Amino acid sequence: FQAGEEIATVSIDPGNITRNDVQERLNWLLAVSKFR
């Protein structure tokens, strides 16, 4: 991997986002990154 390379992206519903929603999205990003 090169510096600046994007590994994964997750969209966020701009509505009323909760702490739990954010944690779930970050866990998903981490899982995809680990897989890659």
PDB file of all heavy atoms in Angstrom:
ATOM      1  N   PHE A   1       0.844  -1.190   0.000  1.00  0.00           N
ATOM      2  CA  PHE A   1       0.000   0.000   0.000  1.00  0.00           C
ATOM      3  C   PHE A   1       0.879   1.239   0.000  1.00  0.00           C
ATOM      4  O   PHE A   1       1.947   1.248   0.604  1.00  0.00           O
ATOM      5  CB  PHE A   1      -0.927   0.052   1.227  1.00  0.00           C
ATOM      6  CG  PHE A   1      -1.945  -1.038   1.286  1.00  0.00           C
ATOM      7  CD1 PHE A   1      -1.919  -1.981   2.304  1.00  0.00           C
ATOM      8  CD2 PHE A   1      -2.954  -1.132   0.333  1.00  0.00           C
ATOM      9  CE1 PHE A   1      -2.859  -2.985   2.364  1.00  0.00           C
ATOM     10  CE2 PHE A   1      -3.900  -2.140   0.390  1.00  0.00           C
ATOM     11  CZ  PHE A   1      -3.856  -3.071   1.406  1.00  0.00           C
ATOM     12  N   GLN A   2       0.403   2.295  -0.660  1.00  0.00           N
ATOM     13  CA  GLN A   2       1.114   3.568  -0.689  1.00  0.00           C
ATOM     14  C   GLN A   2       0.458   4.564   0.263  1.00  0.00           C
ATOM     15  O   GLN A   2      -0.759   4.506   0.478  1.00  0.00           O
ATOM     16  CB  GLN A   2       1.083   4.166  -2.087  1.00  0.00           C
ATOM     17  CG  GLN A   2       1.936   3.444  -3.077  1.00  0.00           C
ATOM     18  CD  GLN A   2       1.960   4.156  -4.416  1.00  0.00           C
ATOM     19  OE1 GLN A   2       1.007   4.835  -4.778  1.00  0.00           O
ATOM     20  NE2 GLN A   2       3.054   4.004  -5.141  1.00  0.00           N
ATOM     21  N   ALA A   3       1.267   5.476   0.777  1.00  0.00           N
ATOM     22  CA  ALA A   3       0.741   6.546   1.626  1.00  0.00           C
ATOM     23  C   ALA A   3      -0.341   7.301   0.863  1.00  0.00           C
ATOM     24  O   ALA A   3      -0.191   7.589  -0.317  1.00  0.00           O
ATOM     25  CB  ALA A   3       1.863   7.494   2.040  1.00  0.00           C
ATOM     26  N   GLY A   4      -1.450   7.575   1.540  1.00  0.00           N
ATOM     27  CA  GLY A   4      -2.558   8.308   0.935  1.00  0.00           C
ATOM     28  C   GLY A   4      -3.578   7.429   0.231  1.00  0.00           C
ATOM     29  O   GLY A   4      -4.628   7.908  -0.174  1.00  0.00           O
ATOM     30  N   GLU A   5      -3.273   6.140   0.108  1.00  0.00           N
ATOM     31  CA  GLU A   5      -4.199   5.222  -0.566  1.00  0.00           C
ATOM     32  C   GLU A   5      -5.437   4.992   0.304  1.00  0.00           C
ATOM     33  O   GLU A   5      -5.338   4.807   1.501  1.00  0.00           O
ATOM     34  CB  GLU A   5      -3.498   3.890  -0.830  1.00  0.00           C
ATOM     35  CG  GLU A   5      -4.279   2.921  -1.659  1.00  0.00           C
ATOM     36  CD  GLU A   5      -3.467   1.687  -2.032  1.00  0.00           C
ATOM     37  OE1 GLU A   5      -2.219   1.714  -1.963  1.00  0.00           O
ATOM     38  OE2 GLU A   5      -4.108   0.681  -2.374  1.00  0.00           O
ATOM     39  N   GLU A   6      -6.579   5.018  -0.333  1.00  0.00           N
ATOM     40  CA  GLU A   6      -7.852   4.786   0.358  1.00  0.00           C
ATOM     41  C   GLU A   6      -8.112   3.285   0.410  1.00  0.00           C
ATOM     42  O   GLU A   6      -8.129   2.621  -0.611  1.00  0.00           O
ATOM     43  CB  GLU A   6      -8.960   5.501  -0.403  1.00  0.00           C
ATOM     44  CG  GLU A   6     -10.298   5.443   0.254  1.00  0.00           C
ATOM     45  CD  GLU A   6     -11.326   6.171  -0.593  1.00  0.00           C
ATOM     46  OE1 GLU A   6     -11.073   7.318  -0.979  1.00  0.00           O
ATOM     47  OE2 GLU A   6     -12.373   5.553  -0.857  1.00  0.00           O
ATOM     48  N   ILE A   7      -8.331   2.766   1.621  1.00  0.00           N
ATOM     49  CA  ILE A   7      -8.569   1.333   1.793  1.00  0.00           C
ATOM     50  C   ILE A   7     -10.063   1.029   1.750  1.00  0.00           C
ATOM     51  O   ILE A   7     -10.490   0.053   1.155  1.00  0.00           O
ATOM     52  CB  ILE A   7      -7.986   0.846   3.149  1.00  0.00           C
ATOM     53  CG1 ILE A   7      -6.484   1.063   3.190  1.00  0.00           C
ATOM     54  CG2 ILE A   7      -8.327  -0.591   3.407  1.00  0.00           C
ATOM     55  CD1 ILE A   7      -5.700   0.170   2.272  1.00  0.00           C
ATOM     56  N   ALA A   8     -10.859   1.849   2.417  1.00  0.00           N
ATOM     57  CA  ALA A   8     -12.304   1.619   2.478  1.00  0.00           C
ATOM     58  C   ALA A   8     -13.010   2.927   2.792  1.00  0.00           C
ATOM     59  O   ALA A   8     -12.416   3.849   3.359  1.00  0.00           O
ATOM     60  CB  ALA A   8     -12.629   0.581   3.544  1.00  0.00           C
ATOM     61  N   THR A   9     -14.289   2.979   2.422  1.00  0.00           N
ATOM     62  CA  THR A   9     -15.123   4.157   2.690  1.00  0.00           C
ATOM     63  C   THR A   9     -16.486   3.694   3.157  1.00  0.00           C
ATOM     64  O   THR A   9     -17.009   2.694   2.660  1.00  0.00           O
ATOM     65  CB  THR A   9     -15.312   5.006   1.409  1.00  0.00           C
ATOM     66  OG1 THR A   9     -14.030   5.399   0.927  1.00  0.00           O
ATOM     67  CG2 THR A   9     -16.140   6.236   1.685  1.00  0.00           C
ATOM     68  N   VAL A  10     -17.052   4.420   4.095  1.00  0.00           N
ATOM     69  CA  VAL A  10     -18.405   4.127   4.560  1.00  0.00           C
ATOM     70  C   VAL A  10     -19.197   5.433   4.548  1.00  0.00           C
ATOM     71  O   VAL A  10     -18.682   6.485   4.919  1.00  0.00           O
ATOM     72  CB  VAL A  10     -18.405   3.477   5.959  1.00  0.00           C
ATOM     73  CG1 VAL A  10     -17.878   4.410   7.011  1.00  0.00           C
ATOM     74  CG2 VAL A  10     -19.771   2.978   6.335  1.00  0.00           C
ATOM     75  N   SER A  11     -20.417   5.351   4.062  1.00  0.00           N
ATOM     76  CA  SER A  11     -21.301   6.511   4.051  1.00  0.00           C
ATOM     77  C   SER A  11     -21.986   6.650   5.400  1.00  0.00           C
ATOM     78  O   SER A  11     -22.197   5.664   6.103  1.00  0.00           O
ATOM     79  CB  SER A  11     -22.370   6.356   2.968  1.00  0.00           C
ATOM     80  OG  SER A  11     -21.772   6.347   1.706  1.00  0.00           O
ATOM     81  N   ILE A  12     -22.354   7.882   5.703  1.00  0.00           N
ATOM     82  CA  ILE A  12     -23.052   8.163   6.958  1.00  0.00           C
ATOM     83  C   ILE A  12     -24.332   8.893   6.616  1.00  0.00           C
ATOM     84  O   ILE A  12     -24.311   9.860   5.851  1.00  0.00           O
ATOM     85  CB  ILE A  12     -22.183   9.019   7.887  1.00  0.00           C
ATOM     86  CG1 ILE A  12     -20.923   8.267   8.252  1.00  0.00           C
ATOM     87  CG2 ILE A  12     -22.967   9.486   9.079  1.00  0.00           C
ATOM     88  CD1 ILE A  12     -20.563   8.205   9.680  1.00  0.00           C
ATOM     89  N   ASP A  13     -25.428   8.434   7.195  1.00  0.00           N
ATOM     90  CA  ASP A  13     -26.696   9.125   7.024  1.00  0.00           C
ATOM     91  C   ASP A  13     -26.600  10.446   7.768  1.00  0.00           C
ATOM     92  O   ASP A  13     -26.422  10.466   8.985  1.00  0.00           O
ATOM     93  CB  ASP A  13     -27.827   8.263   7.578  1.00  0.00           C
ATOM     94  CG  ASP A  13     -29.193   8.921   7.456  1.00  0.00           C
ATOM     95  OD1 ASP A  13     -29.297   9.952   6.770  1.00  0.00           O
ATOM     96  OD2 ASP A  13     -30.145   8.392   8.046  1.00  0.00           O
ATOM     97  N   PRO A  14     -26.681  11.566   7.056  1.00  0.00           N
ATOM     98  CA  PRO A  14     -26.479  12.850   7.710  1.00  0.00           C
ATOM     99  C   PRO A  14     -27.576  13.236   8.702  1.00  0.00           C
ATOM    100  O   PRO A  14     -27.480  14.266   9.340  1.00  0.00           O
ATOM    101  CB  PRO A  14     -26.419  13.847   6.558  1.00  0.00           C
ATOM    102  CG  PRO A  14     -26.967  13.165   5.379  1.00  0.00           C
ATOM    103  CD  PRO A  14     -26.909  11.697   5.633  1.00  0.00           C
ATOM    104  N   GLY A  15     -28.564  12.387   8.863  1.00  0.00           N
ATOM    105  CA  GLY A  15     -29.619  12.672   9.826  1.00  0.00           C
ATOM    106  C   GLY A  15     -29.103  12.601  11.253  1.00  0.00           C
ATOM    107  O   GLY A  15     -27.949  12.885  11.528  1.00  0.00           O
ATOM    108  N   ASN A  16     -29.917  12.181  12.148  1.00  0.00           N
ATOM    109  CA  ASN A  16     -29.575  12.103  13.562  1.00  0.00           C
ATOM    110  C   ASN A  16     -28.701  10.876  13.820  1.00  0.00           C
ATOM    111  O   ASN A  16     -29.191   9.794  14.082  1.00  0.00           O
ATOM    112  CB  ASN A  16     -30.875  12.041  14.383  1.00  0.00           C
ATOM    113  CG  ASN A  16     -30.633  12.329  15.836  1.00  0.00           C
ATOM    114  OD1 ASN A  16     -29.551  12.747  16.222  1.00  0.00           O
ATOM    115  ND2 ASN A  16     -31.651  12.095  16.640  1.00  0.00           N
ATOM    116  N   ILE A  17     -27.384  11.054  13.761  1.00  0.00           N
ATOM    117  CA  ILE A  17     -26.458   9.937  13.937  1.00  0.00           C
ATOM    118  C   ILE A  17     -26.110   9.769  15.408  1.00  0.00           C
ATOM    119  O   ILE A  17     -25.859  10.746  16.105  1.00  0.00           O
ATOM    120  CB  ILE A  17     -25.196  10.125  13.080  1.00  0.00           C
ATOM    121  CG1 ILE A  17     -24.364   8.863  13.122  1.00  0.00           C
ATOM    122  CG2 ILE A  17     -24.401  11.309  13.514  1.00  0.00           C
ATOM    123  CD1 ILE A  17     -23.535   8.655  11.909  1.00  0.00           C
ATOM    124  N   THR A  18     -26.124   8.536  15.863  1.00  0.00           N
ATOM    125  CA  THR A  18     -25.821   8.242  17.262  1.00  0.00           C
ATOM    126  C   THR A  18     -24.389   7.745  17.402  1.00  0.00           C
ATOM    127  O   THR A  18     -23.749   7.360  16.423  1.00  0.00           O
ATOM    128  CB  THR A  18     -26.769   7.163  17.820  1.00  0.00           C
ATOM    129  OG1 THR A  18     -26.492   5.924  17.150  1.00  0.00           O
ATOM    130  CG2 THR A  18     -28.223   7.562  17.633  1.00  0.00           C
ATOM    131  N   ARG A  19     -23.929   7.751  18.607  1.00  0.00           N
ATOM    132  CA  ARG A  19     -22.591   7.237  18.929  1.00  0.00           C
ATOM    133  C   ARG A  19     -22.466   5.776  18.498  1.00  0.00           C
ATOM    134  O   ARG A  19     -21.440   5.367  17.945  1.00  0.00           O
ATOM    135  CB  ARG A  19     -22.372   7.400  20.425  1.00  0.00           C
ATOM    136  CG  ARG A  19     -21.029   7.035  20.901  1.00  0.00           C
ATOM    137  CD  ARG A  19     -20.902   7.402  22.391  1.00  0.00           C
ATOM    138  NE  ARG A  19     -19.546   7.299  22.809  1.00  0.00           N
ATOM    139  CZ  ARG A  19     -18.584   8.150  22.512  1.00  0.00           C
ATOM    140  NH1 ARG A  19     -18.841   9.199  21.784  1.00  0.00           N
ATOM    141  NH2 ARG A  19     -17.362   7.980  22.918  1.00  0.00           N
ATOM    142  N   ASN A  20     -23.518   5.001  18.723  1.00  0.00           N
ATOM    143  CA  ASN A  20     -23.515   3.594  18.338  1.00  0.00           C
ATOM    144  C   ASN A  20     -23.404   3.436  16.820  1.00  0.00           C
ATOM    145  O   ASN A  20     -22.688   2.553  16.334  1.00  0.00           O
ATOM    146  CB  ASN A  20     -24.777   2.902  18.865  1.00  0.00           C
ATOM    147  CG  ASN A  20     -24.692   1.412  18.759  1.00  0.00           C
ATOM    148  OD1 ASN A  20     -23.681   0.807  19.115  1.00  0.00           O
ATOM    149  ND2 ASN A  20     -25.753   0.795  18.253  1.00  0.00           N
ATOM    150  N   ASP A  21     -24.098   4.297  16.062  1.00  0.00           N
ATOM    151  CA  ASP A  21     -24.008   4.270  14.602  1.00  0.00           C
ATOM    152  C   ASP A  21     -22.566   4.505  14.146  1.00  0.00           C
ATOM    153  O   ASP A  21     -22.059   3.803  13.267  1.00  0.00           O
ATOM    154  CB  ASP A  21     -24.897   5.351  13.972  1.00  0.00           C
ATOM    155  CG  ASP A  21     -26.381   5.109  14.186  1.00  0.00           C
ATOM    156  OD1 ASP A  21     -26.778   3.950  14.384  1.00  0.00           O
ATOM    157  OD2 ASP A  21     -27.137   6.102  14.154  1.00  0.00           O
ATOM    158  N   VAL A  22     -21.926   5.487  14.743  1.00  0.00           N
ATOM    159  CA  VAL A  22     -20.547   5.814  14.376  1.00  0.00           C
ATOM    160  C   VAL A  22     -19.627   4.642  14.706  1.00  0.00           C
ATOM    161  O   VAL A  22     -18.782   4.256  13.894  1.00  0.00           O
ATOM    162  CB  VAL A  22     -20.069   7.103  15.090  1.00  0.00           C
ATOM    163  CG1 VAL A  22     -18.587   7.342  14.841  1.00  0.00           C
ATOM    164  CG2 VAL A  22     -20.892   8.291  14.639  1.00  0.00           C
ATOM    165  N   GLN A  23     -19.797   4.056  15.882  1.00  0.00           N
ATOM    166  CA  GLN A  23     -18.955   2.928  16.281  1.00  0.00           C
ATOM    167  C   GLN A  23     -19.134   1.743  15.331  1.00  0.00           C
ATOM    168  O   GLN A  23     -18.161   1.093  14.967  1.00  0.00           O
ATOM    169  CB  GLN A  23     -19.240   2.521  17.724  1.00  0.00           C
ATOM    170  CG  GLN A  23     -18.742   3.549  18.717  1.00  0.00           C
ATOM    171  CD  GLN A  23     -19.183   3.261  20.145  1.00  0.00           C
ATOM    172  OE1 GLN A  23     -20.150   2.560  20.393  1.00  0.00           O
ATOM    173  NE2 GLN A  23     -18.465   3.835  21.094  1.00  0.00           N
ATOM    174  N   GLU A  24     -20.366   1.492  14.901  1.00  0.00           N
ATOM    175  CA  GLU A  24     -20.622   0.416  13.941  1.00  0.00           C
ATOM    176  C   GLU A  24     -19.924   0.692  12.621  1.00  0.00           C
ATOM    177  O   GLU A  24     -19.340  -0.210  12.013  1.00  0.00           O
ATOM    178  CB  GLU A  24     -22.123   0.243  13.713  1.00  0.00           C
ATOM    179  CG  GLU A  24     -22.850  -0.430  14.849  1.00  0.00           C
ATOM    180  CD  GLU A  24     -24.354  -0.521  14.617  1.00  0.00           C
ATOM    181  OE1 GLU A  24     -24.798  -0.293  13.468  1.00  0.00           O
ATOM    182  OE2 GLU A  24     -25.059  -0.825  15.572  1.00  0.00           O
ATOM    183  N   ARG A  25     -19.972   1.931  12.147  1.00  0.00           N
ATOM    184  CA  ARG A  25     -19.320   2.288  10.880  1.00  0.00           C
ATOM    185  C   ARG A  25     -17.803   2.136  10.987  1.00  0.00           C
ATOM    186  O   ARG A  25     -17.144   1.641  10.076  1.00  0.00           O
ATOM    187  CB  ARG A  25     -19.650   3.724  10.467  1.00  0.00           C
ATOM    188  CG  ARG A  25     -21.100   4.051  10.256  1.00  0.00           C
ATOM    189  CD  ARG A  25     -21.736   3.274   9.128  1.00  0.00           C
ATOM    190  NE  ARG A  25     -23.010   3.767   8.668  1.00  0.00           N
ATOM    191  CZ  ARG A  25     -24.133   3.819   9.358  1.00  0.00           C
ATOM    192  NH1 ARG A  25     -24.158   3.476  10.614  1.00  0.00           N
ATOM    193  NH2 ARG A  25     -25.252   4.245   8.787  1.00  0.00           N
ATOM    194  N   LEU A  26     -17.245   2.565  12.122  1.00  0.00           N
ATOM    195  CA  LEU A  26     -15.796   2.439  12.316  1.00  0.00           C
ATOM    196  C   LEU A  26     -15.384   0.975  12.422  1.00  0.00           C
ATOM    197  O   LEU A  26     -14.335   0.584  11.889  1.00  0.00           O
ATOM    198  CB  LEU A  26     -15.349   3.223  13.555  1.00  0.00           C
ATOM    199  CG  LEU A  26     -15.501   4.740  13.470  1.00  0.00           C
ATOM    200  CD1 LEU A  26     -15.026   5.390  14.764  1.00  0.00           C
ATOM    201  CD2 LEU A  26     -14.773   5.318  12.275  1.00  0.00           C
ATOM    202  N   ASN A  27     -16.203   0.158  13.087  1.00  0.00           N
ATOM    203  CA  ASN A  27     -15.916  -1.277  13.157  1.00  0.00           C
ATOM    204  C   ASN A  27     -15.930  -1.906  11.769  1.00  0.00           C
ATOM    205  O   ASN A  27     -15.096  -2.751  11.446  1.00  0.00           O
ATOM    206  CB  ASN A  27     -16.920  -2.002  14.063  1.00  0.00           C
ATOM    207  CG  ASN A  27     -16.677  -1.728  15.522  1.00  0.00           C
ATOM    208  OD1 ASN A  27     -15.578  -1.354  15.928  1.00  0.00           O
ATOM    209  ND2 ASN A  27     -17.703  -1.907  16.336  1.00  0.00           N
ATOM    210  N   TRP A  28     -16.877  -1.470  10.923  1.00  0.00           N
ATOM    211  CA  TRP A  28     -16.949  -1.974   9.558  1.00  0.00           C
ATOM    212  C   TRP A  28     -15.697  -1.571   8.784  1.00  0.00           C
ATOM    213  O   TRP A  28     -15.103  -2.386   8.080  1.00  0.00           O
ATOM    214  CB  TRP A  28     -18.213  -1.458   8.864  1.00  0.00           C
ATOM    215  CG  TRP A  28     -18.388  -2.032   7.500  1.00  0.00           C
ATOM    216  CD1 TRP A  28     -18.986  -3.201   7.166  1.00  0.00           C
ATOM    217  CD2 TRP A  28     -17.920  -1.457   6.265  1.00  0.00           C
ATOM    218  NE1 TRP A  28     -18.938  -3.388   5.811  1.00  0.00           N
ATOM    219  CE2 TRP A  28     -18.287  -2.338   5.238  1.00  0.00           C
ATOM    220  CE3 TRP A  28     -17.243  -0.290   5.949  1.00  0.00           C
ATOM    221  CZ2 TRP A  28     -17.986  -2.086   3.904  1.00  0.00           C
ATOM    222  CZ3 TRP A  28     -16.938  -0.036   4.620  1.00  0.00           C
ATOM    223  CH2 TRP A  28     -17.312  -0.933   3.622  1.00  0.00           C
ATOM    224  N   LEU A  29     -15.278  -0.298   8.903  1.00  0.00           N
ATOM    225  CA  LEU A  29     -14.064   0.163   8.225  1.00  0.00           C
ATOM    226  C   LEU A  29     -12.845  -0.633   8.665  1.00  0.00           C
ATOM    227  O   LEU A  29     -12.006  -1.009   7.848  1.00  0.00           O
ATOM    228  CB  LEU A  29     -13.807   1.650   8.517  1.00  0.00           C
ATOM    229  CG  LEU A  29     -14.543   2.671   7.688  1.00  0.00           C
ATOM    230  CD1 LEU A  29     -14.209   4.079   8.173  1.00  0.00           C
ATOM    231  CD2 LEU A  29     -14.216   2.534   6.220  1.00  0.00           C
ATOM    232  N   LEU A  30     -12.764  -0.897   9.953  1.00  0.00           N
ATOM    233  CA  LEU A  30     -11.640  -1.662  10.486  1.00  0.00           C
ATOM    234  C   LEU A  30     -11.660  -3.095   9.962  1.00  0.00           C
ATOM    235  O   LEU A  30     -10.621  -3.640   9.575  1.00  0.00           O
ATOM    236  CB  LEU A  30     -11.674  -1.645  12.017  1.00  0.00           C
ATOM    237  CG  LEU A  30     -10.451  -2.183  12.729  1.00  0.00           C
ATOM    238  CD1 LEU A  30      -9.195  -1.455  12.276  1.00  0.00           C
ATOM    239  CD2 LEU A  30     -10.622  -2.056  14.225  1.00  0.00           C
ATOM    240  N   ALA A  31     -12.840  -3.717   9.901  1.00  0.00           N
ATOM    241  CA  ALA A  31     -12.961  -5.086   9.401  1.00  0.00           C
ATOM    242  C   ALA A  31     -12.561  -5.169   7.928  1.00  0.00           C
ATOM    243  O   ALA A  31     -11.831  -6.080   7.520  1.00  0.00           O
ATOM    244  CB  ALA A  31     -14.384  -5.605   9.602  1.00  0.00           C
ATOM    245  N   VAL A  32     -13.027  -4.226   7.122  1.00  0.00           N
ATOM    246  CA  VAL A  32     -12.678  -4.214   5.695  1.00  0.00           C
ATOM    247  C   VAL A  32     -11.178  -3.981   5.531  1.00  0.00           C
ATOM    248  O   VAL A  32     -10.527  -4.631   4.704  1.00  0.00           O
ATOM    249  CB  VAL A  32     -13.494  -3.147   4.936  1.00  0.00           C
ATOM    250  CG1 VAL A  32     -12.969  -2.942   3.537  1.00  0.00           C
ATOM    251  CG2 VAL A  32     -14.957  -3.535   4.902  1.00  0.00           C
ATOM    252  N   SER A  33     -10.628  -3.073   6.314  1.00  0.00           N
ATOM    253  CA  SER A  33      -9.193  -2.791   6.236  1.00  0.00           C
ATOM    254  C   SER A  33      -8.375  -4.019   6.615  1.00  0.00           C
ATOM    255  O   SER A  33      -7.378  -4.334   5.952  1.00  0.00           O
ATOM    256  CB  SER A  33      -8.828  -1.622   7.154  1.00  0.00           C
ATOM    257  OG  SER A  33      -9.515  -0.457   6.761  1.00  0.00           O
ATOM    258  N   LYS A  34      -8.806  -4.705   7.647  1.00  0.00           N
ATOM    259  CA  LYS A  34      -8.108  -5.924   8.074  1.00  0.00           C
ATOM    260  C   LYS A  34      -8.178  -6.990   6.981  1.00  0.00           C
ATOM    261  O   LYS A  34      -7.185  -7.652   6.680  1.00  0.00           O
ATOM    262  CB  LYS A  34      -8.719  -6.441   9.372  1.00  0.00           C
ATOM    263  CG  LYS A  34      -7.989  -7.608   9.960  1.00  0.00           C
ATOM    264  CD  LYS A  34      -8.546  -8.006  11.314  1.00  0.00           C
ATOM    265  CE  LYS A  34      -7.734  -9.132  11.892  1.00  0.00           C
ATOM    266  NZ  LYS A  34      -8.164  -9.485  13.239  1.00  0.00           N
ATOM    267  N   PHE A  35      -9.343  -7.138   6.373  1.00  0.00           N
ATOM    268  CA  PHE A  35      -9.515  -8.099   5.291  1.00  0.00           C
ATOM    269  C   PHE A  35      -8.576  -7.774   4.127  1.00  0.00           C
ATOM    270  O   PHE A  35      -7.869  -8.636   3.612  1.00  0.00           O
ATOM    271  CB  PHE A  35     -10.973  -8.111   4.831  1.00  0.00           C
ATOM    272  CG  PHE A  35     -11.223  -8.990   3.644  1.00  0.00           C
ATOM    273  CD1 PHE A  35     -11.301 -10.367   3.791  1.00  0.00           C
ATOM    274  CD2 PHE A  35     -11.372  -8.440   2.381  1.00  0.00           C
ATOM    275  CE1 PHE A  35     -11.515 -11.188   2.695  1.00  0.00           C
ATOM    276  CE2 PHE A  35     -11.591  -9.246   1.281  1.00  0.00           C
ATOM    277  CZ  PHE A  35     -11.658 -10.629   1.431  1.00  0.00           C
ATOM    278  N   ARG A  36      -8.559  -6.501   3.715  1.00  0.00           N
ATOM    279  CA  ARG A  36      -7.682  -6.099   2.598  1.00  0.00           C
ATOM    280  C   ARG A  36      -6.215  -6.292   2.947  1.00  0.00           C
ATOM    281  O   ARG A  36      -5.419  -6.701   2.098  1.00  0.00           O
ATOM    282  CB  ARG A  36      -7.946  -4.646   2.215  1.00  0.00           C
ATOM    283  CG  ARG A  36      -9.297  -4.494   1.550  1.00  0.00           C
ATOM    284  CD  ARG A  36      -9.414  -3.438   0.506  1.00  0.00           C
ATOM    285  NE  ARG A  36      -8.301  -3.308  -0.411  1.00  0.00           N
ATOM    286  CZ  ARG A  36      -7.923  -2.145  -0.939  1.00  0.00           C
ATOM    287  NH1 ARG A  36      -8.562  -1.032  -0.628  1.00  0.00           N
ATOM    288  NH2 ARG A  36      -6.921  -2.075  -1.790  1.00  0.00           N
TER     289      ARG A  36
END
